Amino acid sequence: MSIDSPGSDGWPRPARPRLGARLTYALHALLAENTLYRRLAGAIERHPRAYRWFTAGERAAKEELFGCRMCGQCALPTTGYACPMTCPKQLRNGPCGGVSPTGACEVHPELRCVWVIAYERAEQGGHGADLDLLQRPIDHRQWGRSSWVNYWQGRDEGLWAGTGEARPLLRRELGLTPR
C-alpha cells in the first residue's frame, strides 16, 4: 500500500508532493488558463470518451505527484501544491486542533500534517500569502471530474475568498521569488 493511498482504516493519508515547491509553481504557468486551453477544455467536454481519457490521465499524474483525490475543485495552487484532501479530516482551510507541536498528523501520527507541509512549501515557493485565502466548501458533485477542465472553463471562479489584497494564485503573476 502506498503512503498516499487511504489506509486500511479508510482515512486518507497526508501526502508529501513528489516535486519541489518552486518547480510546481513554475509548472503551473504552463497550465495557466488561456484561450487555447479554454477551447481545448470545451472540445474535451463535447466528447465523453476524450473526457474520460483526459480525466484518467489527470488522475494518474496528480495522484502520483500530489496524492490528489480528484475533488474536481483543485486547491493545489493555493496550498503549496500539498493536496488538502489528503488530510484525514479533509480540512481545506488549515490544520485541525490535533496537529502535534512537531507537525505530526493527529490521525496518522507517523506522518506530517498536510497543512504543515502546505505552509512549508508555500513559504518556500514565496507564496505564503496564498494560505490566507479561505477555501469555500467543496461541491461534492464535482468528485472524479477534471479540475483542469473546470479551471480552464472558468468554473473555479469564486472558490477562494481573499482577505485584504490577497488573490488566488490562479489570477496573478506567477513569480518565483518571495514577495
N, C-alpha and C. Protein backbone atom coordinates (compact mmCIF):
# COMPACT_ATOMS: atom_id res chain seq x y z
N MET A 1 0.85 -1.18 0.00
CA MET A 1 0.00 0.00 0.00
C MET A 1 0.89 1.24 0.00
N SER A 2 0.56 2.19 -0.85
CA SER A 2 1.30 3.45 -0.93
C SER A 2 0.97 4.32 0.27
N ILE A 3 1.93 5.15 0.66
CA ILE A 3 1.70 6.07 1.78
C ILE A 3 0.63 7.11 1.42
N ASP A 4 0.42 7.32 0.11
CA ASP A 4 -0.54 8.32 -0.33
C ASP A 4 -1.96 7.78 -0.43
N SER A 5 -2.14 6.47 -0.37
CA SER A 5 -3.47 5.90 -0.51
C SER A 5 -4.12 5.78 0.87
N PRO A 6 -5.46 5.70 0.89
CA PRO A 6 -6.12 5.56 2.18
C PRO A 6 -5.64 4.31 2.89
N GLY A 7 -5.54 4.40 4.20
CA GLY A 7 -5.11 3.27 5.00
C GLY A 7 -6.22 2.24 5.12
N SER A 8 -5.93 1.15 5.76
CA SER A 8 -6.93 0.10 5.95
C SER A 8 -8.10 0.61 6.80
N ASP A 9 -7.85 1.71 7.53
CA ASP A 9 -8.91 2.29 8.34
C ASP A 9 -9.83 3.20 7.52
N GLY A 10 -9.53 3.39 6.21
CA GLY A 10 -10.36 4.20 5.34
C GLY A 10 -10.05 5.69 5.35
N TRP A 11 -9.22 6.15 6.27
CA TRP A 11 -8.88 7.56 6.34
C TRP A 11 -7.87 7.91 5.25
N PRO A 12 -8.03 9.06 4.58
CA PRO A 12 -6.96 9.50 3.66
C PRO A 12 -5.67 9.68 4.46
N ARG A 13 -4.56 9.54 3.78
CA ARG A 13 -3.25 9.69 4.42
C ARG A 13 -2.58 10.94 3.88
N PRO A 14 -2.09 11.82 4.76
CA PRO A 14 -1.40 13.03 4.29
C PRO A 14 -0.28 12.67 3.31
N ALA A 15 -0.26 13.37 2.19
CA ALA A 15 0.73 13.08 1.15
C ALA A 15 1.72 14.22 1.03
N ARG A 16 2.96 13.87 0.85
CA ARG A 16 4.01 14.85 0.58
C ARG A 16 4.22 14.87 -0.92
N PRO A 17 4.05 16.05 -1.56
CA PRO A 17 4.24 16.13 -3.02
C PRO A 17 5.63 15.65 -3.43
N ARG A 18 5.70 15.07 -4.60
CA ARG A 18 6.94 14.48 -5.10
C ARG A 18 7.80 15.48 -5.87
N LEU A 19 7.26 16.65 -6.16
CA LEU A 19 8.02 17.70 -6.84
C LEU A 19 8.26 18.85 -5.88
N GLY A 20 9.36 19.56 -6.05
CA GLY A 20 9.66 20.71 -5.21
C GLY A 20 8.67 21.85 -5.42
N ALA A 21 8.56 22.70 -4.41
CA ALA A 21 7.59 23.80 -4.44
C ALA A 21 7.85 24.76 -5.59
N ARG A 22 9.07 25.20 -5.76
CA ARG A 22 9.37 26.15 -6.84
C ARG A 22 9.07 25.57 -8.21
N LEU A 23 9.38 24.30 -8.40
CA LEU A 23 9.11 23.65 -9.68
C LEU A 23 7.61 23.58 -9.95
N THR A 24 6.82 23.23 -8.95
CA THR A 24 5.37 23.12 -9.17
C THR A 24 4.76 24.47 -9.49
N TYR A 25 5.23 25.53 -8.83
CA TYR A 25 4.72 26.86 -9.17
C TYR A 25 5.11 27.23 -10.59
N ALA A 26 6.31 26.87 -11.01
CA ALA A 26 6.76 27.16 -12.38
C ALA A 26 5.94 26.35 -13.39
N LEU A 27 5.68 25.09 -13.09
CA LEU A 27 4.90 24.26 -14.00
C LEU A 27 3.47 24.77 -14.13
N HIS A 28 2.97 25.38 -13.07
CA HIS A 28 1.60 25.91 -13.13
C HIS A 28 1.46 26.94 -14.25
N ALA A 29 2.52 27.68 -14.50
CA ALA A 29 2.47 28.69 -15.56
C ALA A 29 2.17 28.04 -16.91
N LEU A 30 2.61 26.80 -17.11
CA LEU A 30 2.34 26.10 -18.37
C LEU A 30 0.87 25.73 -18.51
N LEU A 31 0.18 25.58 -17.38
CA LEU A 31 -1.22 25.18 -17.40
C LEU A 31 -2.18 26.34 -17.12
N ALA A 32 -1.65 27.55 -17.02
CA ALA A 32 -2.49 28.70 -16.68
C ALA A 32 -3.60 28.90 -17.73
N GLU A 33 -4.74 29.28 -17.24
CA GLU A 33 -5.92 29.49 -18.08
C GLU A 33 -5.61 30.46 -19.23
N ASN A 34 -6.00 30.06 -20.43
CA ASN A 34 -5.87 30.93 -21.60
C ASN A 34 -6.89 30.48 -22.64
N THR A 35 -6.97 31.21 -23.74
CA THR A 35 -7.96 30.92 -24.77
C THR A 35 -7.78 29.52 -25.36
N LEU A 36 -6.55 29.14 -25.63
CA LEU A 36 -6.28 27.83 -26.21
C LEU A 36 -6.78 26.72 -25.29
N TYR A 37 -6.45 26.80 -24.00
CA TYR A 37 -6.90 25.77 -23.06
C TYR A 37 -8.42 25.80 -22.87
N ARG A 38 -9.02 26.97 -22.91
CA ARG A 38 -10.48 27.07 -22.78
C ARG A 38 -11.13 26.32 -23.95
N ARG A 39 -10.61 26.52 -25.15
CA ARG A 39 -11.15 25.81 -26.32
C ARG A 39 -10.90 24.31 -26.23
N LEU A 40 -9.71 23.94 -25.79
CA LEU A 40 -9.38 22.53 -25.61
C LEU A 40 -10.34 21.89 -24.61
N ALA A 41 -10.57 22.55 -23.49
CA ALA A 41 -11.47 22.02 -22.47
C ALA A 41 -12.89 21.86 -23.03
N GLY A 42 -13.34 22.82 -23.82
CA GLY A 42 -14.67 22.72 -24.43
C GLY A 42 -14.75 21.52 -25.36
N ALA A 43 -13.70 21.32 -26.16
CA ALA A 43 -13.67 20.18 -27.08
C ALA A 43 -13.65 18.87 -26.31
N ILE A 44 -12.87 18.81 -25.25
CA ILE A 44 -12.80 17.59 -24.44
C ILE A 44 -14.17 17.28 -23.85
N GLU A 45 -14.85 18.29 -23.35
CA GLU A 45 -16.17 18.06 -22.73
C GLU A 45 -17.22 17.61 -23.74
N ARG A 46 -17.07 18.00 -24.99
CA ARG A 46 -18.05 17.61 -26.01
C ARG A 46 -17.91 16.15 -26.43
N HIS A 47 -16.82 15.53 -26.05
CA HIS A 47 -16.57 14.14 -26.44
C HIS A 47 -16.35 13.30 -25.17
N PRO A 48 -17.37 12.57 -24.73
CA PRO A 48 -17.27 11.83 -23.46
C PRO A 48 -16.06 10.90 -23.36
N ARG A 49 -15.71 10.22 -24.44
CA ARG A 49 -14.55 9.33 -24.39
C ARG A 49 -13.28 10.13 -24.16
N ALA A 50 -13.13 11.25 -24.86
CA ALA A 50 -11.95 12.11 -24.67
C ALA A 50 -11.91 12.64 -23.23
N TYR A 51 -13.07 12.99 -22.69
CA TYR A 51 -13.13 13.49 -21.31
C TYR A 51 -12.67 12.40 -20.34
N ARG A 52 -13.14 11.17 -20.53
CA ARG A 52 -12.74 10.07 -19.65
C ARG A 52 -11.23 9.85 -19.72
N TRP A 53 -10.68 9.85 -20.93
CA TRP A 53 -9.23 9.64 -21.09
C TRP A 53 -8.44 10.78 -20.47
N PHE A 54 -8.88 11.99 -20.74
CA PHE A 54 -8.18 13.16 -20.20
C PHE A 54 -8.21 13.13 -18.67
N THR A 55 -9.38 12.85 -18.11
CA THR A 55 -9.53 12.80 -16.65
C THR A 55 -8.71 11.67 -16.06
N ALA A 56 -8.64 10.53 -16.74
CA ALA A 56 -7.81 9.41 -16.26
C ALA A 56 -6.34 9.81 -16.25
N GLY A 57 -5.89 10.52 -17.27
CA GLY A 57 -4.50 11.00 -17.31
C GLY A 57 -4.23 12.00 -16.20
N GLU A 58 -5.17 12.91 -15.99
CA GLU A 58 -5.02 13.90 -14.91
C GLU A 58 -4.97 13.19 -13.56
N ARG A 59 -5.84 12.23 -13.38
CA ARG A 59 -5.88 11.48 -12.11
C ARG A 59 -4.54 10.78 -11.87
N ALA A 60 -4.03 10.10 -12.87
CA ALA A 60 -2.77 9.37 -12.71
C ALA A 60 -1.63 10.31 -12.37
N ALA A 61 -1.53 11.42 -13.09
CA ALA A 61 -0.42 12.36 -12.86
C ALA A 61 -0.54 13.02 -11.49
N LYS A 62 -1.70 13.56 -11.17
CA LYS A 62 -1.86 14.30 -9.92
C LYS A 62 -1.85 13.38 -8.70
N GLU A 63 -2.36 12.17 -8.86
CA GLU A 63 -2.32 11.23 -7.74
C GLU A 63 -0.88 10.85 -7.42
N GLU A 64 -0.09 10.58 -8.44
CA GLU A 64 1.31 10.20 -8.24
C GLU A 64 2.13 11.36 -7.68
N LEU A 65 1.92 12.56 -8.22
CA LEU A 65 2.74 13.71 -7.83
C LEU A 65 2.30 14.38 -6.53
N PHE A 66 0.98 14.41 -6.27
CA PHE A 66 0.47 15.20 -5.15
C PHE A 66 -0.44 14.43 -4.20
N GLY A 67 -0.74 13.16 -4.49
CA GLY A 67 -1.68 12.43 -3.66
C GLY A 67 -3.12 12.85 -3.93
N CYS A 68 -3.37 13.47 -5.08
CA CYS A 68 -4.67 14.03 -5.44
C CYS A 68 -5.80 13.02 -5.25
N ARG A 69 -6.92 13.53 -4.76
CA ARG A 69 -8.10 12.70 -4.54
C ARG A 69 -9.20 13.01 -5.54
N MET A 70 -8.91 13.84 -6.56
CA MET A 70 -9.83 14.18 -7.65
C MET A 70 -11.15 14.77 -7.15
N CYS A 71 -11.04 15.83 -6.37
CA CYS A 71 -12.24 16.51 -5.86
C CYS A 71 -12.90 17.36 -6.93
N GLY A 72 -12.19 17.66 -8.02
CA GLY A 72 -12.74 18.46 -9.11
C GLY A 72 -12.65 19.95 -8.87
N GLN A 73 -12.18 20.35 -7.70
CA GLN A 73 -12.04 21.77 -7.35
C GLN A 73 -10.68 21.95 -6.71
N CYS A 74 -9.68 21.91 -7.53
CA CYS A 74 -8.30 21.82 -7.07
C CYS A 74 -7.85 23.05 -6.29
N ALA A 75 -7.31 22.78 -5.10
CA ALA A 75 -6.76 23.83 -4.26
C ALA A 75 -5.24 23.83 -4.27
N LEU A 76 -4.63 22.93 -5.05
CA LEU A 76 -3.18 22.81 -5.06
C LEU A 76 -2.44 24.13 -5.23
N PRO A 77 -2.85 25.00 -6.17
CA PRO A 77 -2.10 26.24 -6.36
C PRO A 77 -2.12 27.18 -5.16
N THR A 78 -3.07 27.02 -4.27
CA THR A 78 -3.14 27.91 -3.11
C THR A 78 -2.66 27.24 -1.82
N THR A 79 -2.19 25.99 -1.92
CA THR A 79 -1.75 25.28 -0.73
C THR A 79 -0.33 24.72 -0.91
N GLY A 80 0.48 25.41 -1.65
CA GLY A 80 1.86 24.97 -1.85
C GLY A 80 1.95 23.64 -2.56
N TYR A 81 0.91 23.29 -3.29
CA TYR A 81 0.83 22.02 -4.01
C TYR A 81 0.85 20.82 -3.08
N ALA A 82 0.35 21.00 -1.87
CA ALA A 82 0.08 19.91 -0.95
C ALA A 82 -1.44 19.75 -0.93
N CYS A 83 -1.95 18.62 -1.35
CA CYS A 83 -3.39 18.44 -1.50
C CYS A 83 -4.09 18.39 -0.13
N PRO A 84 -4.96 19.37 0.15
CA PRO A 84 -5.65 19.37 1.44
C PRO A 84 -6.63 18.22 1.58
N MET A 85 -7.02 17.61 0.46
CA MET A 85 -7.96 16.49 0.54
C MET A 85 -7.27 15.22 1.04
N THR A 86 -5.93 15.25 1.18
CA THR A 86 -5.25 14.11 1.79
C THR A 86 -5.25 14.21 3.31
N CYS A 87 -5.76 15.31 3.83
CA CYS A 87 -5.97 15.42 5.28
C CYS A 87 -7.03 14.38 5.65
N PRO A 88 -6.79 13.55 6.65
CA PRO A 88 -7.79 12.56 7.03
C PRO A 88 -9.16 13.17 7.33
N LYS A 89 -9.17 14.41 7.76
CA LYS A 89 -10.43 15.08 8.06
C LYS A 89 -10.90 15.93 6.88
N GLN A 90 -10.13 15.91 5.80
CA GLN A 90 -10.40 16.65 4.57
C GLN A 90 -10.67 18.13 4.84
N LEU A 91 -9.84 18.71 5.70
CA LEU A 91 -9.96 20.13 6.02
C LEU A 91 -9.29 20.95 4.92
N ARG A 92 -9.99 21.93 4.38
CA ARG A 92 -9.47 22.73 3.27
C ARG A 92 -9.00 24.11 3.71
N ASN A 93 -9.07 24.42 4.99
CA ASN A 93 -8.71 25.76 5.44
C ASN A 93 -7.72 25.78 6.58
N GLY A 94 -6.88 24.80 6.68
CA GLY A 94 -5.87 24.79 7.71
C GLY A 94 -5.97 23.57 8.59
N PRO A 95 -4.99 23.41 9.46
CA PRO A 95 -4.93 22.20 10.28
C PRO A 95 -6.01 22.17 11.36
N CYS A 96 -6.28 20.96 11.81
CA CYS A 96 -7.21 20.78 12.92
C CYS A 96 -6.49 21.14 14.22
N GLY A 97 -7.18 21.06 15.30
CA GLY A 97 -6.56 21.35 16.58
C GLY A 97 -5.70 20.22 17.11
N GLY A 98 -5.64 19.10 16.36
CA GLY A 98 -4.90 17.95 16.85
C GLY A 98 -3.50 17.79 16.30
N VAL A 99 -3.07 18.70 15.44
CA VAL A 99 -1.72 18.59 14.91
C VAL A 99 -0.73 18.76 16.07
N SER A 100 0.28 17.90 16.11
CA SER A 100 1.22 17.92 17.24
C SER A 100 2.19 19.09 17.13
N PRO A 101 2.85 19.44 18.22
CA PRO A 101 3.85 20.52 18.18
C PRO A 101 5.00 20.21 17.21
N THR A 102 5.20 18.94 16.90
CA THR A 102 6.26 18.57 15.95
C THR A 102 5.75 18.53 14.51
N GLY A 103 4.45 18.80 14.32
CA GLY A 103 3.87 18.82 12.98
C GLY A 103 3.28 17.50 12.54
N ALA A 104 3.12 16.55 13.47
CA ALA A 104 2.56 15.25 13.12
C ALA A 104 1.04 15.32 13.02
N CYS A 105 0.49 14.52 12.13
CA CYS A 105 -0.95 14.41 11.94
C CYS A 105 -1.57 13.72 13.16
N GLU A 106 -2.74 14.20 13.56
CA GLU A 106 -3.43 13.60 14.71
C GLU A 106 -3.90 12.18 14.40
N VAL A 107 -4.40 11.95 13.20
CA VAL A 107 -4.96 10.65 12.84
C VAL A 107 -3.86 9.65 12.47
N HIS A 108 -2.85 10.13 11.76
CA HIS A 108 -1.71 9.30 11.36
C HIS A 108 -0.44 9.92 11.94
N PRO A 109 -0.16 9.71 13.23
CA PRO A 109 0.96 10.39 13.89
C PRO A 109 2.33 10.08 13.30
N GLU A 110 2.44 9.04 12.51
CA GLU A 110 3.71 8.73 11.87
C GLU A 110 3.95 9.61 10.64
N LEU A 111 2.94 10.38 10.24
CA LEU A 111 3.05 11.24 9.06
C LEU A 111 2.95 12.71 9.46
N ARG A 112 3.52 13.56 8.65
CA ARG A 112 3.45 15.00 8.86
C ARG A 112 2.08 15.52 8.43
N CYS A 113 1.53 16.46 9.16
CA CYS A 113 0.25 17.08 8.81
C CYS A 113 0.36 17.73 7.44
N VAL A 114 -0.62 17.50 6.58
CA VAL A 114 -0.58 18.06 5.23
C VAL A 114 -0.57 19.59 5.28
N TRP A 115 -1.14 20.20 6.31
CA TRP A 115 -1.15 21.65 6.40
C TRP A 115 0.20 22.20 6.84
N VAL A 116 0.96 21.44 7.59
CA VAL A 116 2.32 21.84 7.92
C VAL A 116 3.16 21.78 6.64
N ILE A 117 2.95 20.73 5.86
CA ILE A 117 3.63 20.60 4.57
C ILE A 117 3.24 21.76 3.66
N ALA A 118 1.96 22.08 3.60
CA ALA A 118 1.47 23.18 2.76
C ALA A 118 2.12 24.50 3.16
N TYR A 119 2.19 24.76 4.46
CA TYR A 119 2.80 26.01 4.93
C TYR A 119 4.27 26.08 4.52
N GLU A 120 5.00 25.01 4.77
CA GLU A 120 6.43 25.00 4.44
C GLU A 120 6.65 25.19 2.95
N ARG A 121 5.85 24.53 2.12
CA ARG A 121 6.01 24.62 0.67
C ARG A 121 5.60 26.00 0.14
N ALA A 122 4.50 26.54 0.65
CA ALA A 122 4.06 27.86 0.19
C ALA A 122 5.11 28.92 0.54
N GLU A 123 5.65 28.84 1.74
CA GLU A 123 6.69 29.79 2.14
C GLU A 123 7.95 29.60 1.27
N GLN A 124 8.32 28.36 1.06
CA GLN A 124 9.50 28.05 0.25
C GLN A 124 9.34 28.58 -1.18
N GLY A 125 8.14 28.52 -1.71
CA GLY A 125 7.88 28.99 -3.07
C GLY A 125 7.57 30.47 -3.15
N GLY A 126 7.57 31.16 -2.00
CA GLY A 126 7.28 32.59 -2.00
C GLY A 126 5.81 32.92 -2.11
N HIS A 127 4.94 31.98 -1.72
CA HIS A 127 3.50 32.18 -1.84
C HIS A 127 2.77 31.95 -0.52
N GLY A 128 3.40 32.29 0.58
CA GLY A 128 2.79 32.08 1.89
C GLY A 128 1.45 32.78 2.04
N ALA A 129 1.28 33.94 1.39
CA ALA A 129 0.02 34.69 1.50
C ALA A 129 -1.16 33.91 0.91
N ASP A 130 -0.89 32.97 0.02
CA ASP A 130 -1.99 32.19 -0.55
C ASP A 130 -2.74 31.40 0.51
N LEU A 131 -2.06 31.06 1.60
CA LEU A 131 -2.72 30.30 2.66
C LEU A 131 -3.72 31.15 3.44
N ASP A 132 -3.71 32.47 3.22
CA ASP A 132 -4.69 33.34 3.86
C ASP A 132 -6.04 33.30 3.15
N LEU A 133 -6.08 32.68 1.98
CA LEU A 133 -7.33 32.60 1.22
C LEU A 133 -8.24 31.55 1.83
N LEU A 134 -9.50 31.91 1.99
CA LEU A 134 -10.49 31.00 2.54
C LEU A 134 -11.01 30.10 1.43
N GLN A 135 -10.89 28.80 1.61
CA GLN A 135 -11.40 27.83 0.64
C GLN A 135 -12.89 27.63 0.90
N ARG A 136 -13.69 27.82 -0.11
CA ARG A 136 -15.13 27.59 0.04
C ARG A 136 -15.40 26.09 0.20
N PRO A 137 -16.55 25.73 0.77
CA PRO A 137 -16.88 24.30 0.92
C PRO A 137 -16.86 23.61 -0.45
N ILE A 138 -16.47 22.36 -0.43
CA ILE A 138 -16.36 21.60 -1.67
C ILE A 138 -17.75 21.22 -2.19
N ASP A 139 -17.89 21.24 -3.49
CA ASP A 139 -19.11 20.80 -4.15
C ASP A 139 -18.91 19.31 -4.47
N HIS A 140 -19.53 18.46 -3.70
CA HIS A 140 -19.30 17.02 -3.83
C HIS A 140 -19.78 16.46 -5.17
N ARG A 141 -20.57 17.23 -5.91
CA ARG A 141 -20.98 16.78 -7.24
C ARG A 141 -19.81 16.77 -8.22
N GLN A 142 -18.71 17.44 -7.88
CA GLN A 142 -17.55 17.52 -8.77
C GLN A 142 -16.54 16.39 -8.58
N TRP A 143 -16.72 15.53 -7.56
CA TRP A 143 -15.78 14.45 -7.30
C TRP A 143 -15.57 13.60 -8.55
N GLY A 144 -14.33 13.32 -8.86
CA GLY A 144 -13.98 12.49 -10.01
C GLY A 144 -13.93 13.24 -11.32
N ARG A 145 -14.30 14.50 -11.32
CA ARG A 145 -14.27 15.31 -12.55
C ARG A 145 -12.91 15.97 -12.70
N SER A 146 -12.61 16.39 -13.89
CA SER A 146 -11.32 17.03 -14.17
C SER A 146 -11.29 18.45 -13.62
N SER A 147 -10.38 18.71 -12.72
CA SER A 147 -10.25 20.08 -12.20
C SER A 147 -9.57 20.97 -13.24
N TRP A 148 -8.74 20.39 -14.12
CA TRP A 148 -8.12 21.20 -15.17
C TRP A 148 -9.18 21.74 -16.13
N VAL A 149 -10.09 20.87 -16.54
CA VAL A 149 -11.18 21.31 -17.43
C VAL A 149 -12.02 22.37 -16.71
N ASN A 150 -12.36 22.11 -15.45
CA ASN A 150 -13.15 23.09 -14.69
C ASN A 150 -12.42 24.44 -14.60
N TYR A 151 -11.14 24.40 -14.35
CA TYR A 151 -10.33 25.62 -14.25
C TYR A 151 -10.29 26.36 -15.59
N TRP A 152 -9.98 25.63 -16.65
CA TRP A 152 -9.88 26.27 -17.96
C TRP A 152 -11.22 26.81 -18.43
N GLN A 153 -12.32 26.24 -17.97
CA GLN A 153 -13.65 26.72 -18.34
C GLN A 153 -14.14 27.83 -17.40
N GLY A 154 -13.31 28.23 -16.44
CA GLY A 154 -13.66 29.33 -15.55
C GLY A 154 -14.58 28.95 -14.41
N ARG A 155 -14.76 27.68 -14.16
CA ARG A 155 -15.66 27.23 -13.09
C ARG A 155 -15.05 27.37 -11.71
N ASP A 156 -13.77 27.69 -11.63
CA ASP A 156 -13.10 27.86 -10.34
C ASP A 156 -13.29 29.27 -9.79
N GLU A 157 -13.91 30.14 -10.56
CA GLU A 157 -14.14 31.50 -10.07
C GLU A 157 -14.94 31.42 -8.77
N GLY A 158 -14.50 32.14 -7.77
CA GLY A 158 -15.23 32.17 -6.51
C GLY A 158 -14.92 31.02 -5.56
N LEU A 159 -13.94 30.17 -5.89
CA LEU A 159 -13.59 29.10 -4.96
C LEU A 159 -12.84 29.62 -3.75
N TRP A 160 -12.25 30.80 -3.89
CA TRP A 160 -11.46 31.38 -2.81
C TRP A 160 -12.03 32.73 -2.43
N ALA A 161 -12.01 33.02 -1.15
CA ALA A 161 -12.39 34.34 -0.65
C ALA A 161 -11.14 34.93 -0.01
N GLY A 162 -10.66 36.03 -0.57
CA GLY A 162 -9.42 36.62 -0.09
C GLY A 162 -9.63 37.49 1.13
N THR A 163 -8.52 37.79 1.77
CA THR A 163 -8.53 38.74 2.87
C THR A 163 -7.60 39.87 2.47
N GLY A 164 -8.07 41.06 2.57
CA GLY A 164 -7.25 42.20 2.17
C GLY A 164 -6.96 42.16 0.69
N GLU A 165 -5.69 42.27 0.33
CA GLU A 165 -5.31 42.28 -1.07
C GLU A 165 -4.98 40.89 -1.60
N ALA A 166 -5.13 39.87 -0.78
CA ALA A 166 -4.81 38.52 -1.23
C ALA A 166 -5.73 38.12 -2.37
N ARG A 167 -5.15 37.51 -3.38
CA ARG A 167 -5.90 37.00 -4.52
C ARG A 167 -5.42 35.59 -4.80
N PRO A 168 -6.28 34.77 -5.41
CA PRO A 168 -5.82 33.42 -5.75
C PRO A 168 -4.64 33.47 -6.70
N LEU A 169 -3.74 32.53 -6.54
CA LEU A 169 -2.58 32.40 -7.41
C LEU A 169 -3.01 32.30 -8.86
N LEU A 170 -4.14 31.71 -9.12
CA LEU A 170 -4.60 31.47 -10.47
C LEU A 170 -4.84 32.77 -11.24
N ARG A 171 -4.93 33.89 -10.57
CA ARG A 171 -5.26 35.15 -11.21
C ARG A 171 -4.17 36.20 -11.08
N ARG A 172 -2.99 35.81 -10.72
CA ARG A 172 -1.95 36.81 -10.61
C ARG A 172 -0.67 36.29 -11.24
N GLU A 173 0.24 37.17 -11.40
CA GLU A 173 1.50 36.78 -12.00
C GLU A 173 2.16 35.69 -11.16
N LEU A 174 2.73 34.73 -11.84
CA LEU A 174 3.35 33.60 -11.16
C LEU A 174 4.84 33.83 -10.97
N GLY A 175 5.18 34.72 -10.06
CA GLY A 175 6.60 34.97 -9.76
C GLY A 175 7.16 33.87 -8.89
N LEU A 176 8.44 33.64 -8.99
CA LEU A 176 9.06 32.58 -8.21
C LEU A 176 9.94 33.10 -7.10
N THR A 177 9.91 34.40 -6.87
CA THR A 177 10.71 34.96 -5.78
C THR A 177 9.79 35.44 -4.69
N PRO A 178 10.20 35.34 -3.43
CA PRO A 178 9.35 35.79 -2.33
C PRO A 178 8.98 37.26 -2.48
N ARG A 179 7.82 37.59 -2.02
CA ARG A 179 7.31 38.98 -2.12
C ARG A 179 7.81 39.78 -0.95
